[in-house]
N, C-alpha and C. Protein backbone atom coordinates (compact mmCIF):
# COMPACT_ATOMS: atom_id res chain seq x y z
N MET A 1 89.29 108.45 77.17
CA MET A 1 89.16 107.87 78.51
C MET A 1 87.72 107.98 78.99
N ASP A 2 87.11 106.84 79.31
CA ASP A 2 85.72 106.79 79.74
C ASP A 2 85.65 106.88 81.26
N PHE A 3 85.47 108.08 81.79
CA PHE A 3 85.45 108.28 83.23
C PHE A 3 84.19 107.71 83.88
N SER A 4 83.10 107.64 83.13
CA SER A 4 81.89 107.04 83.68
C SER A 4 82.10 105.55 83.96
N TYR A 5 82.87 104.89 83.11
CA TYR A 5 83.19 103.47 83.34
C TYR A 5 84.07 103.32 84.58
N ILE A 6 85.04 104.21 84.72
CA ILE A 6 85.94 104.16 85.88
C ILE A 6 85.15 104.29 87.18
N VAL A 7 84.22 105.25 87.21
CA VAL A 7 83.40 105.44 88.41
C VAL A 7 82.56 104.21 88.68
N LYS A 8 82.09 103.58 87.64
CA LYS A 8 81.21 102.40 87.77
C LYS A 8 81.94 101.20 88.39
N VAL A 9 83.20 100.98 87.98
CA VAL A 9 83.91 99.77 88.43
C VAL A 9 84.75 100.01 89.69
N LEU A 10 84.86 101.24 90.12
CA LEU A 10 85.70 101.55 91.28
C LEU A 10 85.33 100.75 92.54
N PRO A 11 84.04 100.64 92.90
CA PRO A 11 83.72 99.88 94.11
C PRO A 11 84.19 98.42 94.07
N THR A 12 84.02 97.78 92.92
CA THR A 12 84.46 96.39 92.78
C THR A 12 85.98 96.29 92.87
N LEU A 13 86.67 97.21 92.21
CA LEU A 13 88.13 97.18 92.24
C LEU A 13 88.66 97.51 93.64
N GLU A 14 87.93 98.35 94.36
CA GLU A 14 88.34 98.68 95.72
C GLU A 14 88.29 97.43 96.60
N LYS A 15 87.23 96.64 96.46
CA LYS A 15 87.13 95.40 97.24
C LYS A 15 88.23 94.42 96.84
N ALA A 16 88.51 94.34 95.54
CA ALA A 16 89.55 93.43 95.07
C ALA A 16 90.92 93.86 95.57
N LEU A 17 91.18 95.16 95.58
CA LEU A 17 92.46 95.67 96.08
C LEU A 17 92.60 95.40 97.57
N TRP A 18 91.52 95.61 98.32
CA TRP A 18 91.57 95.36 99.75
C TRP A 18 91.85 93.89 100.04
N LEU A 19 91.25 92.98 99.27
CA LEU A 19 91.52 91.55 99.43
C LEU A 19 92.98 91.25 99.13
N THR A 20 93.50 91.84 98.06
CA THR A 20 94.90 91.64 97.70
C THR A 20 95.83 92.12 98.79
N VAL A 21 95.52 93.28 99.36
CA VAL A 21 96.35 93.84 100.43
C VAL A 21 96.30 92.95 101.67
N LYS A 22 95.12 92.44 102.01
CA LYS A 22 94.99 91.57 103.19
C LYS A 22 95.80 90.29 103.01
N ILE A 23 95.67 89.66 101.85
CA ILE A 23 96.45 88.45 101.58
C ILE A 23 97.94 88.74 101.65
N SER A 24 98.33 89.89 101.08
CA SER A 24 99.75 90.27 101.08
C SER A 24 100.27 90.49 102.49
N LEU A 25 99.50 91.20 103.30
CA LEU A 25 99.94 91.50 104.66
C LEU A 25 100.09 90.23 105.49
N PHE A 26 99.07 89.38 105.45
CA PHE A 26 99.16 88.13 106.20
C PHE A 26 100.28 87.24 105.66
N GLY A 27 100.44 87.23 104.33
CA GLY A 27 101.51 86.44 103.73
C GLY A 27 102.88 86.95 104.12
N ILE A 28 103.05 88.27 104.15
CA ILE A 28 104.35 88.86 104.51
C ILE A 28 104.67 88.60 105.98
N VAL A 29 103.68 88.77 106.86
CA VAL A 29 103.91 88.51 108.28
C VAL A 29 104.28 87.04 108.50
N SER A 30 103.56 86.14 107.84
CA SER A 30 103.87 84.71 107.94
C SER A 30 105.27 84.42 107.40
N ALA A 31 105.61 85.06 106.30
CA ALA A 31 106.93 84.86 105.69
C ALA A 31 108.04 85.34 106.61
N ILE A 32 107.82 86.47 107.28
CA ILE A 32 108.83 87.00 108.21
C ILE A 32 109.04 86.03 109.38
N ILE A 33 107.94 85.55 109.95
CA ILE A 33 108.06 84.60 111.06
C ILE A 33 108.79 83.34 110.62
N LEU A 34 108.39 82.81 109.48
CA LEU A 34 109.03 81.61 108.94
C LEU A 34 110.50 81.87 108.62
N GLY A 35 110.78 83.05 108.06
CA GLY A 35 112.15 83.39 107.71
C GLY A 35 113.05 83.49 108.92
N VAL A 36 112.55 84.07 110.01
CA VAL A 36 113.33 84.17 111.25
C VAL A 36 113.67 82.78 111.77
N ILE A 37 112.67 81.90 111.80
CA ILE A 37 112.89 80.54 112.31
C ILE A 37 113.91 79.80 111.45
N LEU A 38 113.75 79.88 110.14
CA LEU A 38 114.66 79.18 109.23
C LEU A 38 116.08 79.71 109.35
N SER A 39 116.21 81.04 109.42
CA SER A 39 117.55 81.63 109.49
C SER A 39 118.28 81.23 110.77
N LEU A 40 117.54 81.16 111.89
CA LEU A 40 118.16 80.75 113.15
C LEU A 40 118.55 79.28 113.13
N VAL A 41 117.70 78.46 112.53
CA VAL A 41 118.01 77.03 112.42
C VAL A 41 119.27 76.83 111.59
N ILE A 42 119.37 77.57 110.48
CA ILE A 42 120.55 77.45 109.62
C ILE A 42 121.79 78.03 110.30
N PHE A 43 121.65 79.16 110.97
CA PHE A 43 122.79 79.82 111.60
C PHE A 43 123.38 78.95 112.71
N TYR A 44 122.51 78.34 113.51
CA TYR A 44 123.00 77.52 114.61
C TYR A 44 123.32 76.08 114.18
N ARG A 45 123.10 75.78 112.91
CA ARG A 45 123.44 74.46 112.35
C ARG A 45 122.84 73.33 113.19
N LEU A 46 121.55 73.44 113.46
CA LEU A 46 120.88 72.41 114.24
C LEU A 46 120.86 71.09 113.45
N PRO A 47 121.20 70.00 114.09
CA PRO A 47 121.26 68.72 113.38
C PRO A 47 119.97 68.39 112.64
N ILE A 48 120.10 67.92 111.43
CA ILE A 48 119.00 67.51 110.56
C ILE A 48 118.13 68.70 110.14
N LEU A 49 117.68 69.49 111.11
CA LEU A 49 116.80 70.61 110.81
C LEU A 49 117.48 71.64 109.90
N ALA A 50 118.78 71.86 110.09
CA ALA A 50 119.50 72.82 109.26
C ALA A 50 119.51 72.37 107.80
N ARG A 51 119.71 71.09 107.57
CA ARG A 51 119.69 70.57 106.19
C ARG A 51 118.31 70.73 105.56
N ILE A 52 117.29 70.45 106.35
CA ILE A 52 115.91 70.60 105.85
C ILE A 52 115.64 72.07 105.52
N ALA A 53 116.06 72.97 106.41
CA ALA A 53 115.85 74.40 106.20
C ALA A 53 116.59 74.88 104.96
N GLN A 54 117.82 74.44 104.77
CA GLN A 54 118.60 74.83 103.59
C GLN A 54 117.94 74.31 102.31
N GLY A 55 117.44 73.07 102.37
CA GLY A 55 116.74 72.51 101.21
C GLY A 55 115.48 73.28 100.89
N TYR A 56 114.75 73.66 101.93
CA TYR A 56 113.52 74.45 101.75
C TYR A 56 113.83 75.78 101.07
N VAL A 57 114.84 76.49 101.58
CA VAL A 57 115.21 77.79 101.02
C VAL A 57 115.64 77.64 99.57
N ALA A 58 116.47 76.64 99.30
CA ALA A 58 116.96 76.43 97.93
C ALA A 58 115.81 76.11 96.98
N PHE A 59 114.88 75.28 97.44
CA PHE A 59 113.76 74.88 96.58
C PHE A 59 112.85 76.06 96.25
N PHE A 60 112.42 76.78 97.26
CA PHE A 60 111.44 77.84 97.03
C PHE A 60 112.05 79.09 96.40
N ARG A 61 113.35 79.30 96.57
CA ARG A 61 113.99 80.44 95.92
C ARG A 61 114.24 80.18 94.44
N ASN A 62 114.21 78.92 94.06
CA ASN A 62 114.53 78.57 92.67
C ASN A 62 113.35 78.00 91.90
N THR A 63 112.16 78.13 92.46
CA THR A 63 110.94 77.72 91.76
C THR A 63 109.94 78.87 91.79
N PRO A 64 109.16 79.03 90.74
CA PRO A 64 108.24 80.17 90.66
C PRO A 64 106.99 79.99 91.53
N LEU A 65 106.42 81.11 91.94
CA LEU A 65 105.18 81.08 92.71
C LEU A 65 104.07 80.40 91.95
N LEU A 66 104.06 80.56 90.64
CA LEU A 66 103.03 79.94 89.81
C LEU A 66 102.99 78.43 90.02
N LEU A 67 104.15 77.80 90.09
CA LEU A 67 104.23 76.36 90.31
C LEU A 67 103.64 75.98 91.66
N HIS A 68 103.94 76.75 92.68
CA HIS A 68 103.42 76.46 94.01
C HIS A 68 101.90 76.59 94.04
N LEU A 69 101.38 77.62 93.38
CA LEU A 69 99.93 77.82 93.35
C LEU A 69 99.23 76.67 92.62
N PHE A 70 99.80 76.23 91.51
CA PHE A 70 99.22 75.12 90.76
C PHE A 70 99.16 73.85 91.63
N PHE A 71 100.25 73.59 92.35
CA PHE A 71 100.28 72.39 93.18
C PHE A 71 99.23 72.48 94.30
N LEU A 72 99.17 73.64 94.97
CA LEU A 72 98.25 73.80 96.09
C LEU A 72 96.79 73.78 95.64
N TYR A 73 96.52 74.42 94.51
CA TYR A 73 95.13 74.60 94.09
C TYR A 73 94.60 73.43 93.26
N PHE A 74 95.48 72.88 92.39
CA PHE A 74 95.03 71.80 91.51
C PHE A 74 95.62 70.44 91.91
N GLY A 75 96.85 70.44 92.44
CA GLY A 75 97.51 69.18 92.76
C GLY A 75 97.00 68.52 94.03
N LEU A 76 96.84 69.30 95.09
CA LEU A 76 96.39 68.72 96.36
C LEU A 76 95.04 68.04 96.27
N PRO A 77 94.05 68.63 95.59
CA PRO A 77 92.75 67.93 95.49
C PRO A 77 92.85 66.58 94.79
N ARG A 78 93.66 66.51 93.73
CA ARG A 78 93.77 65.25 92.98
C ARG A 78 94.61 64.23 93.73
N ALA A 79 95.68 64.68 94.37
CA ALA A 79 96.60 63.74 95.02
C ALA A 79 96.12 63.32 96.40
N PHE A 80 95.57 64.25 97.16
CA PHE A 80 95.23 63.95 98.55
C PHE A 80 93.79 64.29 98.91
N GLY A 81 93.04 64.82 97.97
CA GLY A 81 91.65 65.17 98.25
C GLY A 81 91.50 66.40 99.11
N VAL A 82 92.54 67.20 99.20
CA VAL A 82 92.51 68.43 100.01
C VAL A 82 92.17 69.60 99.11
N VAL A 83 91.01 70.23 99.36
CA VAL A 83 90.56 71.35 98.54
C VAL A 83 90.74 72.64 99.31
N LEU A 84 91.51 73.57 98.75
CA LEU A 84 91.77 74.85 99.38
C LEU A 84 91.06 75.97 98.64
N SER A 85 90.57 76.95 99.37
CA SER A 85 89.95 78.11 98.75
C SER A 85 91.02 78.97 98.09
N PHE A 86 90.57 79.92 97.28
CA PHE A 86 91.52 80.83 96.63
C PHE A 86 92.34 81.59 97.66
N GLU A 87 91.68 82.12 98.69
CA GLU A 87 92.38 82.93 99.69
C GLU A 87 93.44 82.12 100.42
N VAL A 88 93.10 80.91 100.83
CA VAL A 88 94.06 80.06 101.55
C VAL A 88 95.22 79.67 100.64
N THR A 89 94.90 79.32 99.39
CA THR A 89 95.95 78.96 98.44
C THR A 89 96.91 80.12 98.22
N ALA A 90 96.36 81.30 97.99
CA ALA A 90 97.19 82.48 97.76
C ALA A 90 98.06 82.79 98.97
N LEU A 91 97.47 82.70 100.16
CA LEU A 91 98.20 83.00 101.40
C LEU A 91 99.33 81.99 101.61
N LEU A 92 99.05 80.71 101.43
CA LEU A 92 100.07 79.68 101.61
C LEU A 92 101.19 79.84 100.59
N GLY A 93 100.82 80.05 99.34
CA GLY A 93 101.83 80.19 98.29
C GLY A 93 102.75 81.36 98.57
N LEU A 94 102.16 82.50 98.95
CA LEU A 94 102.95 83.70 99.22
C LEU A 94 103.83 83.50 100.46
N SER A 95 103.29 82.86 101.48
CA SER A 95 104.04 82.64 102.72
C SER A 95 105.22 81.70 102.50
N LEU A 96 105.00 80.62 101.76
CA LEU A 96 106.07 79.66 101.52
C LEU A 96 107.18 80.25 100.68
N LEU A 97 106.80 80.98 99.65
CA LEU A 97 107.81 81.64 98.81
C LEU A 97 108.54 82.71 99.60
N GLY A 98 107.78 83.55 100.30
CA GLY A 98 108.38 84.64 101.06
C GLY A 98 109.28 84.15 102.18
N GLY A 99 108.92 83.04 102.81
CA GLY A 99 109.73 82.51 103.89
C GLY A 99 111.15 82.22 103.47
N ALA A 100 111.31 81.71 102.24
CA ALA A 100 112.65 81.40 101.73
C ALA A 100 113.47 82.68 101.53
N TYR A 101 112.83 83.71 100.96
CA TYR A 101 113.54 84.97 100.73
C TYR A 101 113.84 85.69 102.04
N MET A 102 112.89 85.67 102.97
CA MET A 102 113.12 86.31 104.25
C MET A 102 114.22 85.59 105.04
N ALA A 103 114.29 84.28 104.92
CA ALA A 103 115.33 83.52 105.61
C ALA A 103 116.72 83.96 105.16
N GLU A 104 116.89 84.17 103.87
CA GLU A 104 118.18 84.64 103.36
C GLU A 104 118.50 86.04 103.86
N ALA A 105 117.48 86.89 103.90
CA ALA A 105 117.69 88.26 104.38
C ALA A 105 118.09 88.26 105.86
N PHE A 106 117.37 87.50 106.68
CA PHE A 106 117.68 87.45 108.11
C PHE A 106 119.01 86.76 108.37
N LYS A 107 119.32 85.77 107.56
CA LYS A 107 120.60 85.08 107.73
C LYS A 107 121.75 86.05 107.51
N GLY A 108 121.62 86.91 106.48
CA GLY A 108 122.63 87.92 106.25
C GLY A 108 122.72 88.91 107.40
N GLY A 109 121.57 89.27 107.97
CA GLY A 109 121.55 90.19 109.10
C GLY A 109 122.20 89.58 110.33
N ILE A 110 121.92 88.31 110.58
CA ILE A 110 122.50 87.63 111.74
C ILE A 110 124.01 87.52 111.60
N GLU A 111 124.46 87.20 110.39
CA GLU A 111 125.90 87.07 110.16
C GLU A 111 126.63 88.41 110.27
N SER A 112 125.88 89.51 110.20
CA SER A 112 126.49 90.84 110.33
C SER A 112 126.72 91.23 111.79
N VAL A 113 126.09 90.50 112.71
CA VAL A 113 126.31 90.77 114.13
C VAL A 113 127.73 90.32 114.48
N THR A 114 128.51 91.19 115.07
CA THR A 114 129.91 90.90 115.33
C THR A 114 130.08 89.82 116.40
N LYS A 115 131.21 89.13 116.33
CA LYS A 115 131.49 88.05 117.28
C LYS A 115 131.57 88.58 118.71
N SER A 116 132.02 89.83 118.85
CA SER A 116 132.14 90.40 120.19
C SER A 116 130.79 90.50 120.89
N GLN A 117 129.73 90.68 120.10
CA GLN A 117 128.39 90.74 120.68
C GLN A 117 127.99 89.39 121.28
N PHE A 118 128.32 88.33 120.57
CA PHE A 118 128.04 86.99 121.09
C PHE A 118 128.87 86.71 122.35
N ASP A 119 130.14 87.10 122.29
CA ASP A 119 131.01 86.88 123.45
C ASP A 119 130.53 87.66 124.67
N SER A 120 130.04 88.88 124.42
CA SER A 120 129.54 89.70 125.53
C SER A 120 128.30 89.06 126.14
N GLY A 121 127.43 88.54 125.29
CA GLY A 121 126.22 87.87 125.79
C GLY A 121 126.55 86.67 126.64
N LYS A 122 127.52 85.88 126.19
CA LYS A 122 127.93 84.71 126.96
C LYS A 122 128.58 85.13 128.27
N ALA A 123 129.32 86.22 128.23
CA ALA A 123 130.05 86.68 129.41
C ALA A 123 129.11 87.09 130.54
N ILE A 124 127.94 87.63 130.18
CA ILE A 124 127.00 88.06 131.22
C ILE A 124 125.97 86.97 131.55
N GLY A 125 126.18 85.78 130.98
CA GLY A 125 125.37 84.63 131.37
C GLY A 125 124.07 84.44 130.61
N LEU A 126 123.94 85.03 129.44
CA LEU A 126 122.71 84.84 128.66
C LEU A 126 122.69 83.46 128.03
N ASN A 127 121.52 82.81 128.07
CA ASN A 127 121.40 81.55 127.36
C ASN A 127 121.07 81.82 125.89
N ARG A 128 120.90 80.76 125.11
CA ARG A 128 120.72 80.93 123.67
C ARG A 128 119.47 81.72 123.34
N LEU A 129 118.36 81.42 124.00
CA LEU A 129 117.11 82.14 123.72
C LEU A 129 117.22 83.61 124.08
N GLN A 130 117.88 83.90 125.19
CA GLN A 130 118.06 85.29 125.60
C GLN A 130 118.96 86.05 124.63
N MET A 131 119.98 85.38 124.13
CA MET A 131 120.86 86.02 123.15
C MET A 131 120.11 86.32 121.86
N ILE A 132 119.24 85.38 121.45
CA ILE A 132 118.43 85.60 120.25
C ILE A 132 117.51 86.79 120.45
N ARG A 133 116.87 86.87 121.60
CA ARG A 133 115.88 87.92 121.86
C ARG A 133 116.52 89.30 122.04
N TYR A 134 117.59 89.36 122.81
CA TYR A 134 118.13 90.66 123.22
C TYR A 134 119.32 91.14 122.37
N ILE A 135 120.01 90.23 121.72
CA ILE A 135 121.22 90.61 120.99
C ILE A 135 121.09 90.37 119.49
N ILE A 136 120.74 89.15 119.10
CA ILE A 136 120.80 88.79 117.69
C ILE A 136 119.69 89.44 116.88
N LEU A 137 118.43 89.19 117.26
CA LEU A 137 117.32 89.68 116.43
C LEU A 137 117.25 91.20 116.31
N PRO A 138 117.39 91.96 117.41
CA PRO A 138 117.33 93.42 117.25
C PRO A 138 118.36 93.96 116.27
N GLN A 139 119.60 93.46 116.35
CA GLN A 139 120.63 93.94 115.44
C GLN A 139 120.44 93.39 114.03
N ALA A 140 120.03 92.13 113.93
CA ALA A 140 119.82 91.53 112.62
C ALA A 140 118.73 92.27 111.86
N PHE A 141 117.66 92.66 112.55
CA PHE A 141 116.58 93.42 111.92
C PHE A 141 117.11 94.74 111.35
N SER A 142 117.94 95.42 112.13
CA SER A 142 118.46 96.70 111.66
C SER A 142 119.34 96.55 110.43
N TYR A 143 120.10 95.45 110.38
CA TYR A 143 120.99 95.23 109.24
C TYR A 143 120.23 94.83 107.97
N CYS A 144 119.13 94.10 108.15
CA CYS A 144 118.47 93.54 106.97
C CYS A 144 117.21 94.30 106.55
N ILE A 145 116.99 95.49 107.10
CA ILE A 145 115.80 96.26 106.73
C ILE A 145 115.70 96.52 105.22
N PRO A 146 116.79 96.93 104.54
CA PRO A 146 116.67 97.14 103.09
C PRO A 146 116.23 95.88 102.34
N ALA A 147 116.85 94.74 102.67
CA ALA A 147 116.47 93.48 102.02
C ALA A 147 115.07 93.07 102.41
N LEU A 148 114.72 93.30 103.66
CA LEU A 148 113.38 92.97 104.14
C LEU A 148 112.32 93.76 103.38
N GLY A 149 112.56 95.06 103.22
CA GLY A 149 111.62 95.90 102.49
C GLY A 149 111.50 95.51 101.04
N ALA A 150 112.64 95.21 100.42
CA ALA A 150 112.63 94.79 99.01
C ALA A 150 111.84 93.50 98.84
N ASN A 151 111.98 92.58 99.79
CA ASN A 151 111.23 91.32 99.73
C ASN A 151 109.73 91.56 99.90
N CYS A 152 109.36 92.49 100.77
CA CYS A 152 107.93 92.80 100.97
C CYS A 152 107.32 93.35 99.68
N ILE A 153 108.03 94.26 99.04
CA ILE A 153 107.53 94.82 97.78
C ILE A 153 107.45 93.74 96.71
N PHE A 154 108.47 92.88 96.66
CA PHE A 154 108.49 91.78 95.70
C PHE A 154 107.28 90.86 95.90
N LEU A 155 106.98 90.54 97.15
CA LEU A 155 105.86 89.64 97.43
C LEU A 155 104.53 90.27 97.05
N PHE A 156 104.39 91.58 97.31
CA PHE A 156 103.13 92.22 96.92
C PHE A 156 102.96 92.22 95.41
N LYS A 157 104.02 92.46 94.68
CA LYS A 157 103.93 92.45 93.22
C LYS A 157 103.67 91.05 92.69
N GLU A 158 104.10 90.03 93.44
CA GLU A 158 103.87 88.66 93.01
C GLU A 158 102.40 88.27 93.07
N THR A 159 101.58 89.08 93.75
CA THR A 159 100.15 88.77 93.80
C THR A 159 99.51 88.79 92.41
N SER A 160 100.18 89.42 91.46
CA SER A 160 99.64 89.44 90.10
C SER A 160 99.57 88.03 89.50
N VAL A 161 100.33 87.10 90.06
CA VAL A 161 100.33 85.72 89.56
C VAL A 161 99.06 84.98 89.98
N PHE A 162 98.32 85.54 90.93
CA PHE A 162 97.10 84.88 91.40
C PHE A 162 96.07 84.69 90.29
N THR A 163 96.26 85.39 89.17
CA THR A 163 95.33 85.21 88.05
C THR A 163 95.31 83.76 87.57
N ALA A 164 96.39 83.02 87.85
CA ALA A 164 96.49 81.63 87.40
C ALA A 164 95.46 80.73 88.06
N ILE A 165 94.96 81.12 89.24
CA ILE A 165 93.97 80.28 89.92
C ILE A 165 92.62 80.99 90.01
N ALA A 166 92.44 81.98 89.15
CA ALA A 166 91.13 82.63 88.97
C ALA A 166 90.51 83.07 90.29
N GLY A 167 91.20 83.96 90.98
CA GLY A 167 90.68 84.45 92.25
C GLY A 167 89.92 85.76 92.09
N THR A 168 89.84 86.49 93.18
CA THR A 168 89.14 87.77 93.16
C THR A 168 90.10 88.90 93.56
N ASP A 169 91.39 88.70 93.31
CA ASP A 169 92.36 89.75 93.58
C ASP A 169 92.26 90.84 92.52
N ILE A 170 92.97 91.93 92.72
CA ILE A 170 92.84 93.09 91.85
C ILE A 170 93.24 92.79 90.41
N THR A 171 94.33 92.06 90.21
CA THR A 171 94.79 91.77 88.85
C THR A 171 93.81 90.88 88.11
N THR A 172 93.31 89.85 88.79
CA THR A 172 92.36 88.93 88.14
C THR A 172 91.08 89.66 87.76
N VAL A 173 90.58 90.51 88.64
CA VAL A 173 89.36 91.26 88.35
C VAL A 173 89.56 92.16 87.13
N VAL A 174 90.70 92.84 87.08
CA VAL A 174 90.99 93.72 85.94
C VAL A 174 91.10 92.93 84.65
N VAL A 175 91.79 91.82 84.68
CA VAL A 175 91.93 90.97 83.49
C VAL A 175 90.57 90.48 83.02
N ASN A 176 89.71 90.10 83.95
CA ASN A 176 88.36 89.66 83.58
C ASN A 176 87.55 90.78 82.95
N TYR A 177 87.69 91.98 83.50
CA TYR A 177 87.00 93.13 82.91
C TYR A 177 87.46 93.39 81.48
N ILE A 178 88.76 93.31 81.27
CA ILE A 178 89.30 93.54 79.93
C ILE A 178 88.77 92.49 78.97
N SER A 179 88.72 91.24 79.41
CA SER A 179 88.25 90.15 78.55
C SER A 179 86.76 90.25 78.24
N ASN A 180 85.97 90.69 79.22
CA ASN A 180 84.53 90.65 79.07
C ASN A 180 83.90 91.94 78.55
N VAL A 181 84.43 93.08 78.99
CA VAL A 181 83.79 94.34 78.61
C VAL A 181 84.72 95.31 77.88
N GLY A 182 85.99 94.94 77.75
CA GLY A 182 86.92 95.83 77.06
C GLY A 182 87.43 96.94 77.97
N HIS A 183 87.45 98.18 77.45
CA HIS A 183 87.97 99.33 78.22
C HIS A 183 89.38 99.03 78.73
N THR A 184 90.22 98.57 77.84
CA THR A 184 91.58 98.15 78.22
C THR A 184 92.36 99.27 78.87
N ASN A 185 92.35 100.44 78.25
CA ASN A 185 93.13 101.56 78.79
C ASN A 185 92.69 101.95 80.20
N GLU A 186 91.39 102.03 80.39
CA GLU A 186 90.86 102.41 81.70
C GLU A 186 91.22 101.37 82.76
N ASN A 187 91.05 100.10 82.41
CA ASN A 187 91.33 99.04 83.38
C ASN A 187 92.81 98.96 83.73
N LEU A 188 93.67 99.08 82.74
CA LEU A 188 95.10 99.03 83.02
C LEU A 188 95.55 100.24 83.84
N LEU A 189 94.97 101.38 83.56
CA LEU A 189 95.28 102.58 84.34
C LEU A 189 94.90 102.38 85.80
N LEU A 190 93.71 101.84 86.03
CA LEU A 190 93.26 101.60 87.40
C LEU A 190 94.15 100.57 88.11
N LEU A 191 94.61 99.57 87.37
CA LEU A 191 95.49 98.56 87.95
C LEU A 191 96.82 99.17 88.38
N VAL A 192 97.39 99.99 87.51
CA VAL A 192 98.65 100.66 87.84
C VAL A 192 98.48 101.56 89.05
N ILE A 193 97.41 102.33 89.07
CA ILE A 193 97.14 103.22 90.20
C ILE A 193 96.99 102.43 91.50
N ALA A 194 96.32 101.29 91.42
CA ALA A 194 96.11 100.46 92.61
C ALA A 194 97.44 100.00 93.20
N TYR A 195 98.33 99.54 92.35
CA TYR A 195 99.63 99.09 92.84
C TYR A 195 100.46 100.25 93.39
N VAL A 196 100.38 101.40 92.72
CA VAL A 196 101.12 102.57 93.19
C VAL A 196 100.61 103.04 94.54
N ILE A 197 99.29 103.00 94.73
CA ILE A 197 98.68 103.43 95.99
C ILE A 197 99.24 102.63 97.17
N VAL A 198 99.52 101.36 96.93
CA VAL A 198 100.03 100.51 98.01
C VAL A 198 101.55 100.59 98.13
N ILE A 199 102.25 100.48 97.01
CA ILE A 199 103.70 100.36 97.04
C ILE A 199 104.40 101.67 97.37
N LEU A 200 103.91 102.79 96.83
CA LEU A 200 104.60 104.06 97.04
C LEU A 200 104.64 104.47 98.52
N PRO A 201 103.51 104.47 99.24
CA PRO A 201 103.58 104.81 100.67
C PRO A 201 104.46 103.85 101.46
N PHE A 202 104.39 102.57 101.12
CA PHE A 202 105.22 101.59 101.81
C PHE A 202 106.70 101.87 101.59
N THR A 203 107.07 102.24 100.37
CA THR A 203 108.46 102.56 100.06
C THR A 203 108.93 103.77 100.85
N MET A 204 108.06 104.77 100.98
CA MET A 204 108.41 105.97 101.74
C MET A 204 108.58 105.65 103.22
N ILE A 205 107.67 104.84 103.76
CA ILE A 205 107.77 104.44 105.17
C ILE A 205 109.06 103.64 105.40
N LEU A 206 109.35 102.74 104.48
CA LEU A 206 110.55 101.92 104.58
C LEU A 206 111.80 102.78 104.58
N SER A 207 111.83 103.78 103.70
CA SER A 207 112.98 104.69 103.63
C SER A 207 113.15 105.44 104.94
N TYR A 208 112.05 105.88 105.53
CA TYR A 208 112.10 106.61 106.80
C TYR A 208 112.62 105.70 107.92
N VAL A 209 112.09 104.48 107.98
CA VAL A 209 112.51 103.54 109.02
C VAL A 209 113.99 103.22 108.88
N GLU A 210 114.44 103.02 107.65
CA GLU A 210 115.85 102.70 107.43
C GLU A 210 116.75 103.84 107.90
N LYS A 211 116.35 105.09 107.62
CA LYS A 211 117.14 106.24 108.07
C LYS A 211 117.17 106.33 109.59
N ARG A 212 116.02 106.07 110.22
CA ARG A 212 115.96 106.14 111.68
C ARG A 212 116.84 105.06 112.31
N VAL A 213 116.81 103.87 111.73
CA VAL A 213 117.61 102.78 112.27
C VAL A 213 119.09 103.08 112.10
N ARG A 214 119.45 103.60 110.95
CA ARG A 214 120.86 103.93 110.71
C ARG A 214 121.31 105.05 111.65
N TYR A 215 120.44 106.02 111.90
CA TYR A 215 120.80 107.10 112.81
C TYR A 215 121.00 106.57 114.23
N ALA A 216 120.10 105.66 114.63
CA ALA A 216 120.21 105.09 115.97
C ALA A 216 121.48 104.27 116.13
N GLU A 217 121.91 103.64 115.03
CA GLU A 217 123.06 102.76 115.11
C GLU A 217 124.38 103.50 114.91
N PHE A 218 124.40 104.40 113.91
CA PHE A 218 125.65 105.04 113.53
C PHE A 218 125.69 106.54 113.88
N GLY A 219 124.52 107.12 114.22
CA GLY A 219 124.50 108.52 114.58
C GLY A 219 124.53 109.48 113.42
N SER A 220 124.26 108.96 112.22
CA SER A 220 124.25 109.84 111.04
C SER A 220 123.45 109.18 109.93
C-alpha cells in the first residue's frame, strides 16, 4: 500500500466527493418534492394528471439511470440543440429517477393513513389542502421513513453511474486515476472509504429518526 500516493490524491478526491454529495443532496431533495406531488396526484386520482403521473412512475422505475443520462447529455444536444453541463445532467437524471421511487414510497405512506383520519378532517371543516398539510403528509412521512431512507441510499449509490458521462464525481475521478496512473488497490480503497463516510452516518441518523418516530406514534 503506497500511503504517499494516498496523501497526494486526497485533496482531489475530497473535492470530487464533495461534488458528489452536493449533487446527491440536491437530487434527493428534488426527488422528494417531486415524489410528494406525484403521490398526491395519483392518490386523489386527478383527471388526466393521474394517468400522466402513473406513466411517469412506471417509465422511470423500469428504465436505468444510465439511459436517462445518455439522453440528457448526448440526446438533447443532437435532437434539440440543448447542451447541459455534467452537474445539471447528473442532477436532473437523479431527480427524475428518484421522483418515481419517492412517489411509490409516499403513496404507500398515504394509503397507510386510516379512513377515520380523513373523516375527522372533513368533520372539523378542513379543505383538501389543509388535510394534506395537517393530516396526510405528517403521518405519511412517519409511515414511509424506512422506504424513504432506502431510496436516499439507493440514489447516492447510483451516482457511480455518472462515469458514463465523464464527470468529476468521486467514482469517475477514481476510475480515471486507475486508468492513467495505476495504484488500483489504493484508489479502490479510497473509493470504498468515501462511500462509507457518507452512507454509514446517514444510515445511523435514519435509524435514530425511525425509532423516534415510532416512539412518538406507538410509544415503544
